[in-house]
N, C-alpha and C. Protein backbone atom coordinates (compact mmCIF):
# COMPACT_ATOMS: atom_id res chain seq x y z
N MET A 1 0.85 -1.17 0.00
CA MET A 1 0.00 0.00 0.00
C MET A 1 0.90 1.23 0.00
N THR A 2 0.68 2.11 -0.93
CA THR A 2 1.49 3.32 -0.96
C THR A 2 1.16 4.19 0.24
N ASP A 3 2.16 4.90 0.70
CA ASP A 3 1.97 5.72 1.90
C ASP A 3 0.88 6.77 1.73
N ASN A 4 0.83 7.40 0.57
CA ASN A 4 -0.17 8.43 0.33
C ASN A 4 -1.58 7.85 0.37
N GLN A 5 -1.79 6.74 -0.31
CA GLN A 5 -3.11 6.11 -0.35
C GLN A 5 -3.49 5.57 1.03
N LYS A 6 -2.51 5.03 1.73
CA LYS A 6 -2.76 4.49 3.06
C LYS A 6 -3.20 5.60 4.01
N SER A 7 -2.50 6.70 3.99
CA SER A 7 -2.86 7.80 4.88
C SER A 7 -4.20 8.43 4.48
N GLN A 8 -4.48 8.47 3.19
CA GLN A 8 -5.75 9.02 2.74
C GLN A 8 -6.91 8.11 3.19
N ALA A 9 -6.72 6.82 3.10
CA ALA A 9 -7.76 5.88 3.54
C ALA A 9 -7.99 6.00 5.04
N LYS A 10 -6.91 6.06 5.81
CA LYS A 10 -7.03 6.21 7.27
C LYS A 10 -7.73 7.52 7.62
N GLY A 11 -7.36 8.59 6.92
CA GLY A 11 -7.97 9.89 7.17
C GLY A 11 -9.47 9.87 6.92
N GLU A 12 -9.88 9.22 5.82
CA GLU A 12 -11.30 9.11 5.51
C GLU A 12 -12.03 8.29 6.58
N GLN A 13 -11.40 7.22 7.03
CA GLN A 13 -12.02 6.39 8.05
C GLN A 13 -12.21 7.17 9.35
N VAL A 14 -11.19 7.86 9.78
CA VAL A 14 -11.25 8.62 11.03
C VAL A 14 -12.25 9.77 10.92
N LYS A 15 -12.20 10.49 9.82
CA LYS A 15 -13.11 11.61 9.62
C LYS A 15 -14.56 11.12 9.58
N GLY A 16 -14.79 10.02 8.89
CA GLY A 16 -16.14 9.47 8.81
C GLY A 16 -16.65 8.99 10.15
N LYS A 17 -15.78 8.34 10.90
CA LYS A 17 -16.18 7.83 12.21
C LYS A 17 -16.52 8.98 13.16
N SER A 18 -15.72 10.03 13.14
CA SER A 18 -15.99 11.16 14.03
C SER A 18 -17.25 11.91 13.58
N LYS A 19 -17.45 12.04 12.27
CA LYS A 19 -18.66 12.71 11.76
C LYS A 19 -19.91 11.91 12.14
N GLU A 20 -19.81 10.60 12.05
CA GLU A 20 -20.93 9.74 12.42
C GLU A 20 -21.25 9.89 13.91
N ALA A 21 -20.22 9.89 14.74
CA ALA A 21 -20.42 10.04 16.19
C ALA A 21 -21.00 11.41 16.53
N MET A 22 -20.52 12.45 15.86
CA MET A 22 -21.04 13.79 16.11
C MET A 22 -22.50 13.89 15.68
N GLY A 23 -22.83 13.29 14.56
CA GLY A 23 -24.21 13.29 14.10
C GLY A 23 -25.14 12.60 15.08
N ARG A 24 -24.68 11.49 15.63
CA ARG A 24 -25.49 10.79 16.64
C ARG A 24 -25.65 11.64 17.89
N MET A 25 -24.58 12.31 18.28
CA MET A 25 -24.60 13.09 19.51
C MET A 25 -25.59 14.26 19.41
N VAL A 26 -25.63 14.91 18.26
CA VAL A 26 -26.53 16.06 18.11
C VAL A 26 -27.89 15.67 17.53
N GLY A 27 -28.05 14.39 17.17
CA GLY A 27 -29.32 13.93 16.64
C GLY A 27 -29.55 14.27 15.18
N ASN A 28 -28.47 14.47 14.43
CA ASN A 28 -28.56 14.82 13.02
C ASN A 28 -28.35 13.56 12.18
N GLU A 29 -29.43 13.01 11.66
CA GLU A 29 -29.36 11.75 10.91
C GLU A 29 -28.58 11.92 9.59
N ARG A 30 -28.68 13.08 8.98
CA ARG A 30 -27.96 13.31 7.72
C ARG A 30 -26.44 13.26 7.96
N MET A 31 -25.99 13.91 9.01
CA MET A 31 -24.56 13.91 9.33
C MET A 31 -24.09 12.49 9.67
N THR A 32 -24.93 11.75 10.37
CA THR A 32 -24.59 10.37 10.71
C THR A 32 -24.42 9.54 9.44
N ALA A 33 -25.34 9.70 8.51
CA ALA A 33 -25.27 8.96 7.24
C ALA A 33 -24.05 9.37 6.42
N GLU A 34 -23.75 10.65 6.40
CA GLU A 34 -22.55 11.11 5.67
C GLU A 34 -21.30 10.52 6.29
N GLY A 35 -21.26 10.44 7.60
CA GLY A 35 -20.11 9.86 8.29
C GLY A 35 -19.94 8.39 7.95
N ARG A 36 -21.06 7.67 7.95
CA ARG A 36 -21.01 6.25 7.59
C ARG A 36 -20.50 6.07 6.16
N ALA A 37 -20.98 6.91 5.26
CA ALA A 37 -20.56 6.82 3.86
C ALA A 37 -19.08 7.13 3.69
N GLU A 38 -18.61 8.13 4.39
CA GLU A 38 -17.19 8.49 4.30
C GLU A 38 -16.30 7.39 4.88
N LYS A 39 -16.73 6.79 5.97
CA LYS A 39 -15.98 5.70 6.57
C LYS A 39 -15.94 4.51 5.62
N ALA A 40 -17.06 4.21 4.97
CA ALA A 40 -17.12 3.11 4.01
C ALA A 40 -16.19 3.38 2.82
N LYS A 41 -16.12 4.63 2.40
CA LYS A 41 -15.23 4.99 1.29
C LYS A 41 -13.77 4.73 1.69
N GLY A 42 -13.41 5.08 2.92
CA GLY A 42 -12.06 4.82 3.40
C GLY A 42 -11.78 3.33 3.51
N ASP A 43 -12.78 2.56 3.98
CA ASP A 43 -12.62 1.12 4.07
C ASP A 43 -12.40 0.50 2.69
N ALA A 44 -13.16 0.97 1.71
CA ALA A 44 -13.03 0.45 0.34
C ALA A 44 -11.65 0.79 -0.24
N ARG A 45 -11.18 2.01 0.00
CA ARG A 45 -9.86 2.41 -0.51
C ARG A 45 -8.78 1.54 0.11
N GLN A 46 -8.90 1.30 1.42
CA GLN A 46 -7.91 0.48 2.11
C GLN A 46 -7.92 -0.95 1.57
N ALA A 47 -9.09 -1.52 1.35
CA ALA A 47 -9.19 -2.88 0.82
C ALA A 47 -8.59 -2.96 -0.58
N LYS A 48 -8.84 -1.95 -1.40
CA LYS A 48 -8.30 -1.93 -2.76
C LYS A 48 -6.78 -1.92 -2.72
N GLU A 49 -6.22 -1.10 -1.87
CA GLU A 49 -4.76 -1.00 -1.78
C GLU A 49 -4.15 -2.28 -1.22
N LYS A 50 -4.79 -2.90 -0.27
CA LYS A 50 -4.29 -4.17 0.26
C LYS A 50 -4.32 -5.25 -0.82
N GLY A 51 -5.37 -5.24 -1.64
CA GLY A 51 -5.45 -6.19 -2.75
C GLY A 51 -4.32 -5.98 -3.75
N LYS A 52 -3.99 -4.73 -4.02
CA LYS A 52 -2.88 -4.45 -4.92
C LYS A 52 -1.57 -4.96 -4.34
N ASP A 53 -1.40 -4.81 -3.03
CA ASP A 53 -0.17 -5.28 -2.38
C ASP A 53 -0.03 -6.79 -2.49
N VAL A 54 -1.12 -7.50 -2.37
CA VAL A 54 -1.08 -8.97 -2.45
C VAL A 54 -0.57 -9.41 -3.82
N PHE A 55 -1.04 -8.76 -4.87
CA PHE A 55 -0.65 -9.17 -6.21
C PHE A 55 0.68 -8.58 -6.64
N LYS A 56 1.19 -7.60 -5.91
CA LYS A 56 2.48 -6.99 -6.24
C LYS A 56 3.63 -7.96 -5.96
N ASP A 57 3.49 -8.75 -4.92
CA ASP A 57 4.56 -9.68 -4.55
C ASP A 57 4.67 -10.77 -5.53
């Protein structure tokens, strides 16, 4: 996994998780959903990069 892609995936996961938690705390369902979507995007990016690493060897 390239360092740039890895850090971008982690950043999306953390940002999404915190946005989801903040949305739940204030009762904003839209913010919660956006957080879940952003976290899923980071998870997908991380999985893609890990898959590339497997086939690189």
